[in-house]
C-alpha cells in the first residue's frame, strides 16, 4: 500500500483498507508501509543537543531540587529500573497527595509532538516544566527552584558554560532535562532491525503477530508510523480507576484536578471518571479521550492505559479482542473498536510481536549530585 495513499485516508478508511490487505502483502521479505523503523531523535533548533547540555540535564533529571520539597525529582516517577515510569496503576504523588494518572515512560518520548495523556504539552521542555510545577507532581515554584540551583557552585558553573547564565535560569534547567531525555531512545529493537531488512530479526511467531497487527487485529489503524502512534485522541471505554472507589486521598486528588482544570459545578459534583481531553477543549464530544501512546518499550512498562487499569500486554490484547470496554462516557467511545475474534494462538503471536517493539532494558545509575554551599558574599 502506497504511503502517500495512506496519508490521505481517514481513520475509518484506514481500518477498512487494513482489513482487506491480502496476507501475501506481508510475506517474508516485505515490510508494511504503515510502519517504519525509528530514526535518530530530533535536536530542536531552539534547543540543540550538546554533550555538555545532556550531562547537565542528566544531573537535573535525578535532582530533587527541581520540586517544592527538594526531593521529588523526575526520576521519582520515571524510575530507570522500572521502565522509566512508575510501576503502579497511578503515579506517585507529591507528599500528602496521590497522583491521578499512570506515569508514562520517558523512553522514546523525544519523538512525541504531544506530551501527557491529553497532549497538554507540545515539547519535552514544556513537559518538564509542567511536571516540576504540577500540584500533585513536583509542586515547585520556578523562583524557589531557581534559588535552590543557585546555591550549588557546580550548577552555577555548568549553567554558565552551557547557557551563558550568570545565575542558573530554571527555564534552561528544563531545556537541559529535555536534551537529556532526547538521548533516551531505542532504535535497535528486533522490529526496527526487521524493518531495515533483517528477515531473521523476528521469530515466526512475531512475523505472524505483525500480520495480525496490520491486518485482522487492526492495531495499525492507530498505532502506525515509526513511533507506532498517530497521536490522536480516542475513548476506548477503559474503565474508571478503581482507587477512586475506596481511596479517600485519591478522591480528593480527583476533585482537586476537576477544580483546577475548570469544570462547571454540576460536572464537579457528578463526574466519577477522568474526562481526559475534555479538560483542554471543554467539548463534551471529547469526554474520556486520551492520546494514543507509543507501543515501543511496553515490555517493561506495565500496567497500561491512562489509569493503569490493564495489568499486562495479555490484558491489553484481551481488552481489544472484546472490542474495548465500558466507562461513564459511552457516547464518545470510538467506533473503530469491534470484537476481533482472535483465538489463543493468534493472541500469543500478537503479544510476541508487541514484545519485539522493545530491545534490551535501558538502565542507568543515578549520577553523583553536587552539594549546596552558601552563596559567596558580594564584592564591596
Protein backbone atom coordinates (compact mmCIF):
# COMPACT_ATOMS: atom_id res chain seq x y z
CA UNK A 1 0.00 0.00 0.00
CA UNK A 2 1.45 3.37 -1.03
CA UNK A 3 2.43 5.63 1.92
CA UNK A 4 1.05 8.77 0.27
CA UNK A 5 -2.26 6.97 -0.20
CA UNK A 6 -2.31 6.06 3.50
CA UNK A 7 -1.71 9.69 4.47
CA UNK A 8 -4.83 10.76 2.61
CA UNK A 9 -7.11 8.25 4.32
CA UNK A 10 -9.25 8.96 7.35
CA UNK A 11 -9.22 6.58 10.34
CA UNK A 12 -12.30 4.66 9.25
CA UNK A 13 -10.95 4.29 5.71
CA UNK A 14 -7.62 3.08 7.02
CA UNK A 15 -9.43 0.48 9.10
CA UNK A 16 -11.30 -0.76 6.05
CA UNK A 17 -8.16 -0.76 3.93
CA UNK A 18 -6.20 -2.73 6.51
CA UNK A 19 -8.93 -5.32 6.84
CA UNK A 20 -8.70 -6.14 3.12
CA UNK A 21 -4.92 -6.27 2.92
CA UNK A 22 -4.00 -9.63 1.39
CA UNK A 23 -1.89 -11.85 3.61
CA UNK A 24 0.69 -12.12 0.85
CA UNK A 25 1.43 -8.38 1.18
CA UNK A 26 3.12 -9.13 4.49
CA UNK A 27 5.02 -12.19 3.36
CA UNK A 28 8.64 -12.71 4.35
CA UNK A 29 10.82 -10.04 2.78
CA UNK A 30 8.05 -7.43 2.55
CA UNK A 31 7.53 -4.62 5.03
CA UNK A 32 4.18 -3.00 5.90
CA UNK A 33 4.14 0.56 4.57
CA UNK A 34 2.16 1.96 7.51
CA UNK A 35 5.03 1.13 9.90
CA UNK A 36 8.65 2.25 9.91
CA UNK A 37 11.89 1.89 11.87
CA UNK A 38 12.73 4.65 14.30
CA UNK A 39 15.31 7.19 13.16
CA UNK A 40 17.62 9.45 15.16
CA UNK A 41 15.99 11.67 17.78
CA UNK A 42 15.35 15.33 16.95
CA UNK A 43 17.63 18.17 18.00
CA UNK A 44 15.44 21.29 18.01
CA UNK A 45 16.85 24.48 16.54
CA UNK A 46 15.90 26.39 19.68
CA UNK A 47 17.47 23.77 21.97
CA UNK A 48 20.22 21.90 20.12
CA UNK A 49 21.59 18.81 21.79
CA UNK A 50 25.18 19.03 23.03
CA UNK A 51 27.12 16.63 25.27
CA UNK A 52 27.54 19.29 27.96
CA UNK A 53 23.82 20.09 27.99
CA UNK A 54 22.92 16.40 28.13
CA UNK A 55 25.26 15.85 31.07
CA UNK A 56 23.70 18.77 32.94
CA UNK A 57 20.22 17.52 32.09
CA UNK A 58 21.06 14.06 33.39
CA UNK A 59 22.06 15.50 36.75
CA UNK A 60 18.92 17.64 36.93
CA UNK A 61 16.69 14.70 35.95
CA UNK A 62 17.79 12.93 39.14
CA UNK A 63 17.92 16.03 41.34
CA UNK A 64 15.02 16.68 43.70
CA UNK A 65 15.88 20.37 43.94
CA UNK A 66 13.54 20.87 40.98
CA UNK A 67 10.45 20.37 43.15
CA UNK A 68 8.68 22.01 46.03
CA UNK A 69 10.15 19.90 48.82
CA UNK A 70 13.58 19.33 47.28
CA UNK A 71 13.04 15.57 47.00
CA UNK A 72 10.71 14.92 44.02
CA UNK A 73 12.99 14.53 41.01
CA UNK A 74 11.92 13.47 37.53
CA UNK A 75 13.34 10.04 38.36
CA UNK A 76 10.98 9.69 41.33
CA UNK A 77 8.14 8.92 38.93
CA UNK A 78 10.28 7.75 35.99
CA UNK A 79 12.41 5.03 37.53
CA UNK A 80 15.14 3.65 35.22
CA UNK A 81 14.86 0.13 36.68
CA UNK A 82 11.06 0.15 36.26
CA UNK A 83 10.77 1.04 32.58
CA UNK A 84 11.46 4.74 33.19
CA UNK A 85 7.93 5.06 34.50
CA UNK A 86 6.20 4.20 37.79
CA UNK A 87 5.24 0.54 38.40
CA UNK A 88 1.72 1.10 39.67
CA UNK A 89 -1.65 1.99 38.19
CA UNK A 90 -1.27 5.61 39.25
CA UNK A 91 1.99 7.51 39.51
CA UNK A 92 3.50 8.57 42.81
CA UNK A 93 2.11 11.86 44.10
CA UNK A 94 3.73 14.77 45.90
CA UNK A 95 3.94 14.04 49.66
CA UNK A 96 0.47 14.41 51.15
CA UNK A 97 -1.20 13.64 47.81
CA UNK A 98 -1.54 10.84 45.31
CA UNK A 99 -1.34 11.27 41.56
CA UNK A 100 -4.30 10.58 39.33
CA UNK A 101 -2.91 9.18 36.07
CA UNK A 102 -0.50 6.48 35.03
CA UNK A 103 3.11 7.55 34.58
CA UNK A 104 4.34 7.14 31.01
CA UNK A 105 7.83 6.01 30.10
CA UNK A 106 10.44 8.58 29.14
CA UNK A 107 11.96 6.17 26.61
CA UNK A 108 11.34 7.46 23.06
CA UNK A 109 9.41 10.47 24.39
CA UNK A 110 11.72 12.54 22.17
CA UNK A 111 9.52 11.69 19.18
CA UNK A 112 6.17 12.80 20.60
CA UNK A 113 4.61 16.03 19.42
CA UNK A 114 2.02 15.81 22.21
CA UNK A 115 3.15 15.07 25.76
CA UNK A 116 0.97 13.89 28.65
CA UNK A 117 -2.15 11.78 28.22
CA UNK A 118 -4.23 14.70 26.98
CA UNK A 119 -1.48 16.37 24.95
CA UNK A 120 -1.21 19.40 27.23
CA UNK A 121 2.50 19.97 26.42
CA UNK A 122 3.93 20.22 22.93
CA UNK A 123 7.58 19.70 23.80
CA UNK A 124 9.78 17.94 26.31
CA UNK A 125 10.82 21.35 27.59
CA UNK A 126 7.18 22.17 28.34
CA UNK A 127 6.58 18.73 29.81
CA UNK A 128 9.49 19.11 32.23
CA UNK A 129 8.20 22.46 33.46
CA UNK A 130 4.64 21.19 33.86
CA UNK A 131 5.79 18.14 35.82
CA UNK A 132 8.07 20.12 38.11
CA UNK A 133 5.28 22.59 38.88
CA UNK A 134 2.29 20.23 38.92
CA UNK A 135 0.27 20.33 42.13
CA UNK A 136 0.33 16.55 42.64
CA UNK A 137 3.70 16.02 40.93
CA UNK A 138 6.71 18.24 41.67
CA UNK A 139 4.67 21.07 43.23
CA UNK A 140 7.55 23.50 42.70
CA UNK A 141 7.66 27.24 42.03
CA UNK A 142 10.12 28.49 39.42
CA UNK A 143 11.68 31.18 41.62
CA UNK A 144 12.22 28.81 44.55
CA UNK A 145 13.67 26.06 42.36
CA UNK A 146 15.93 28.58 40.68
CA UNK A 147 17.17 29.73 44.08
CA UNK A 148 17.99 26.16 45.09
CA UNK A 149 20.09 25.75 41.94
CA UNK A 150 21.90 29.00 42.65
CA UNK A 151 23.21 27.57 45.94
CA UNK A 152 25.12 24.85 44.04
CA UNK A 153 28.54 26.06 42.80
CA UNK A 154 28.81 23.28 40.21
CA UNK A 155 25.41 24.16 38.76
CA UNK A 156 26.35 27.84 38.56
CA UNK A 157 29.43 26.87 36.55
CA UNK A 158 27.61 24.39 34.31
CA UNK A 159 24.72 26.76 33.55
CA UNK A 160 27.26 29.48 32.71
CA UNK A 161 29.23 27.13 30.43
CA UNK A 162 26.19 25.63 28.67
CA UNK A 163 23.77 28.56 28.54
CA UNK A 164 25.80 31.64 29.45
CA UNK A 165 23.70 32.18 32.59
CA UNK A 166 25.12 34.43 35.28
CA UNK A 167 22.84 32.57 37.69
CA UNK A 168 21.03 29.29 36.81
CA UNK A 169 17.86 30.06 34.87
CA UNK A 170 15.19 27.47 35.64
CA UNK A 171 13.89 27.63 32.07
CA UNK A 172 17.31 26.47 30.97
CA UNK A 173 17.09 23.65 33.51
CA UNK A 174 14.03 22.39 31.62
CA UNK A 175 15.94 22.71 28.34
CA UNK A 176 18.79 20.64 29.73
CA UNK A 177 16.42 17.94 31.02
CA UNK A 178 14.74 17.79 27.62
CA UNK A 179 18.12 17.42 25.92
CA UNK A 180 18.95 14.50 28.21
CA UNK A 181 15.58 12.86 27.61
CA UNK A 182 16.15 13.05 23.85
CA UNK A 183 19.06 10.65 24.31
CA UNK A 184 16.78 8.04 25.93
CA UNK A 185 15.76 6.35 22.71
CA UNK A 186 15.78 2.79 21.45
CA UNK A 187 16.15 2.37 17.71
CA UNK A 188 17.59 -1.15 17.52
CA UNK A 189 14.68 -3.34 18.60
CA UNK A 190 14.02 -6.62 16.76
CA UNK A 191 11.18 -4.81 14.97
CA UNK A 192 13.46 -1.97 13.83
CA UNK A 193 16.07 -4.43 12.61
CA UNK A 194 13.42 -6.35 10.71
CA UNK A 195 12.04 -3.19 9.14
CA UNK A 196 15.56 -2.33 8.00
CA UNK A 197 15.81 -5.60 6.11
CA UNK A 198 16.94 -8.29 8.55
CA UNK A 199 14.42 -11.11 7.98
CA UNK A 200 15.88 -13.10 10.88
CA UNK A 201 15.29 -10.31 13.43
CA UNK A 202 11.72 -11.52 14.11
CA UNK A 203 10.66 -15.05 15.01
CA UNK A 204 7.96 -16.79 13.02
CA UNK A 205 5.50 -16.08 15.83
CA UNK A 206 6.43 -12.38 15.77
CA UNK A 207 6.01 -12.22 11.99
CA UNK A 208 2.60 -13.81 12.36
CA UNK A 209 1.83 -11.24 15.06
CA UNK A 210 2.91 -8.45 12.71
CA UNK A 211 0.41 -9.70 10.13
CA UNK A 212 -2.30 -9.64 12.78
CA UNK A 213 -1.19 -6.19 13.95
CA UNK A 214 -1.57 -4.71 10.47
CA UNK A 215 -4.49 -6.92 9.44
CA UNK A 216 -7.11 -8.78 11.44
CA UNK A 217 -6.41 -7.10 14.78
CA UNK A 218 -6.42 -3.62 13.22
CA UNK A 219 -3.83 -2.25 15.67
CA UNK A 220 -2.03 -0.24 12.98
CA UNK A 221 -5.10 1.93 12.43
CA UNK A 222 -3.96 3.99 15.43
CA UNK A 223 -0.51 2.56 16.20
CA UNK A 224 1.32 3.39 12.99
CA UNK A 225 4.40 5.18 11.72
CA UNK A 226 7.82 4.89 13.31
CA UNK A 227 6.55 5.82 16.78
CA UNK A 228 3.61 3.39 16.46
CA UNK A 229 1.21 6.14 17.45
CA UNK A 230 -0.85 8.52 15.36
CA UNK A 231 -1.03 10.79 18.44
CA UNK A 232 -4.78 11.21 18.04
CA UNK A 233 -7.34 11.01 20.84
CA UNK A 234 -9.87 8.24 21.46
CA UNK A 235 -12.18 6.97 24.16
CA UNK A 236 -11.63 3.21 24.27
CA UNK A 237 -14.02 2.51 27.11
CA UNK A 238 -11.22 1.97 29.63
CA UNK A 239 -12.94 1.51 33.00
CA UNK A 240 -12.52 4.18 35.65
CA UNK A 241 -9.60 3.91 38.07
CA UNK A 242 -10.80 1.60 40.83
CA UNK A 243 -8.89 3.51 43.51
CA UNK A 244 -11.48 6.26 43.36
CA UNK A 245 -13.97 3.88 44.97
CA UNK A 246 -12.22 3.50 48.31
CA UNK A 247 -9.07 5.68 48.45
CA UNK A 248 -10.05 8.91 50.18
CA UNK A 249 -6.85 10.70 49.16
CA UNK A 250 -7.34 9.65 45.54
CA UNK A 251 -10.86 11.04 45.69
CA UNK A 252 -9.53 14.37 46.99
CA UNK A 253 -6.92 14.46 44.21
CA UNK A 254 -9.58 13.78 41.58
CA UNK A 255 -11.77 16.62 42.87
CA UNK A 256 -8.73 18.90 43.02
CA UNK A 257 -7.96 18.19 39.38
CA UNK A 258 -11.57 18.80 38.36
CA UNK A 259 -11.48 22.14 40.16
CA UNK A 260 -8.01 23.16 38.99
CA UNK A 261 -8.63 22.34 35.34
CA UNK A 262 -12.02 24.01 35.31
CA UNK A 263 -15.41 22.32 35.14
CA UNK A 264 -18.90 23.53 35.92
CA UNK A 265 -20.21 22.93 39.43
CA UNK A 266 -22.64 20.34 38.06
CA UNK A 267 -19.79 18.38 36.46
CA UNK A 268 -17.65 18.82 39.56
CA UNK A 269 -20.39 17.12 41.61
CA UNK A 270 -21.27 14.37 39.14
CA UNK A 271 -18.15 13.27 37.25
CA UNK A 272 -16.84 9.94 38.53
CA UNK A 273 -14.25 9.29 35.83
CA UNK A 274 -11.35 11.14 34.23
CA UNK A 275 -12.77 13.26 31.37
CA UNK A 276 -9.40 13.33 29.59
CA UNK A 277 -9.19 15.63 26.58
CA UNK A 278 -12.34 17.45 27.72
CA UNK A 279 -10.20 19.33 30.23
CA UNK A 280 -8.39 21.03 27.35
CA UNK A 281 -11.22 21.55 24.87
CA UNK A 282 -14.26 21.80 27.17
CA UNK A 283 -16.14 19.92 24.44
CA UNK A 284 -18.45 17.13 25.63
CA UNK A 285 -17.52 15.23 22.47
CA UNK A 286 -14.02 14.80 23.95
CA UNK A 287 -15.10 13.11 27.19
CA UNK A 288 -12.85 10.18 28.06
CA UNK A 289 -10.47 10.64 25.13
CA UNK A 290 -6.73 10.19 25.58
CA UNK A 291 -3.75 10.39 23.24
CA UNK A 292 -2.65 7.14 21.61
CA UNK A 293 0.61 6.06 23.31
CA UNK A 294 3.52 4.50 21.50
CA UNK A 295 3.78 0.73 21.84
CA UNK A 296 7.56 0.87 22.00
CA UNK A 297 9.30 -0.29 25.18
CA UNK A 298 5.98 -1.66 26.52
CA UNK A 299 7.69 -4.91 27.50
CA UNK A 300 8.87 -3.05 30.61
CA UNK A 301 6.13 -0.50 31.30
CA UNK A 302 3.12 -2.35 32.76
CA UNK A 303 0.46 -1.54 33.83
CA UNK A 304 -1.18 0.09 30.84
CA UNK A 305 -3.69 2.77 29.82
CA UNK A 306 -4.07 6.27 31.27
CA UNK A 307 -5.09 4.87 34.65
CA UNK A 308 -3.16 1.60 34.71
CA UNK A 309 -6.32 -0.50 34.68
CA UNK A 310 -4.85 -3.15 32.35
CA UNK A 311 -2.14 -5.08 34.14
CA UNK A 312 -0.31 -6.80 31.27
CA UNK A 313 0.08 -6.98 27.50
CA UNK A 314 -2.14 -10.06 27.63
CA UNK A 315 -4.85 -7.99 29.30
CA UNK A 316 -4.44 -5.31 26.63
CA UNK A 317 -4.89 -7.83 23.82
CA UNK A 318 -7.95 -9.33 25.55
CA UNK A 319 -9.38 -5.83 26.01
CA UNK A 320 -9.16 -5.05 22.29
CA UNK A 321 -10.34 -8.52 21.34
CA UNK A 322 -13.56 -7.78 23.24
CA UNK A 323 -13.97 -4.53 21.35
CA UNK A 324 -12.76 -2.31 24.18
CA UNK A 325 -14.57 -1.71 27.44
CA UNK A 326 -17.19 0.42 29.09
CA UNK A 327 -16.91 3.61 31.11
CA UNK A 328 -19.04 6.62 32.01
CA UNK A 329 -18.52 8.20 28.59
CA UNK A 330 -20.21 5.64 26.36
CA UNK A 331 -21.46 8.32 23.98
CA UNK A 332 -17.90 9.22 22.92
CA UNK A 333 -16.45 5.71 22.65
CA UNK A 334 -14.71 5.26 19.32
CA UNK A 335 -16.48 3.18 16.68
CA UNK A 336 -13.13 1.86 15.49
CA UNK A 337 -13.25 -0.87 18.14
CA UNK A 338 -15.11 -4.06 17.32
CA UNK A 339 -14.74 -7.62 18.67
CA UNK A 340 -11.84 -9.22 16.84
CA UNK A 341 -12.47 -12.93 17.28
CA UNK A 342 -8.82 -13.76 17.96
CA UNK A 343 -8.03 -17.31 19.03
CA UNK A 344 -5.46 -18.11 21.71
CA UNK A 345 -2.68 -18.82 19.21
CA UNK A 346 -3.31 -15.50 17.49
CA UNK A 347 -3.26 -13.66 20.80
CA UNK A 348 0.06 -15.29 21.68
CA UNK A 349 1.56 -14.29 18.32
CA UNK A 350 0.30 -10.72 18.69
CA UNK A 351 1.89 -10.45 22.14
CA UNK A 352 5.12 -11.87 20.75
CA UNK A 353 5.14 -9.12 18.12
CA UNK A 354 4.43 -6.44 20.73
CA UNK A 355 7.44 -7.66 22.67
CA UNK A 356 9.58 -7.23 19.54
CA UNK A 357 8.98 -3.48 19.86
CA UNK A 358 11.31 -3.45 22.88
CA UNK A 359 15.02 -4.13 22.92
CA UNK A 360 17.20 -4.67 25.95
CA UNK A 361 16.16 -2.91 29.14
CA UNK A 362 17.71 0.56 29.38
CA UNK A 363 19.14 1.12 32.86
CA UNK A 364 21.21 3.88 34.37
CA UNK A 365 22.78 4.60 37.73
CA UNK A 366 21.92 7.87 39.41
CA UNK A 367 24.76 10.36 38.95
CA UNK A 368 26.54 11.87 41.91
CA UNK A 369 24.78 15.14 42.64
CA UNK A 370 26.70 18.28 43.63
CA UNK A 371 26.29 19.77 47.07
CA UNK A 372 24.86 23.14 48.03
CA UNK A 373 27.02 25.81 49.64
CA UNK A 374 26.36 29.31 50.98
CA UNK A 375 26.37 31.95 48.28
CA UNK A 376 29.59 33.98 48.10
CA UNK A 377 29.47 37.39 49.72
CA UNK A 378 29.05 40.24 47.23
CA UNK A 379 32.13 42.27 46.37
CA UNK A 380 32.14 45.71 48.01
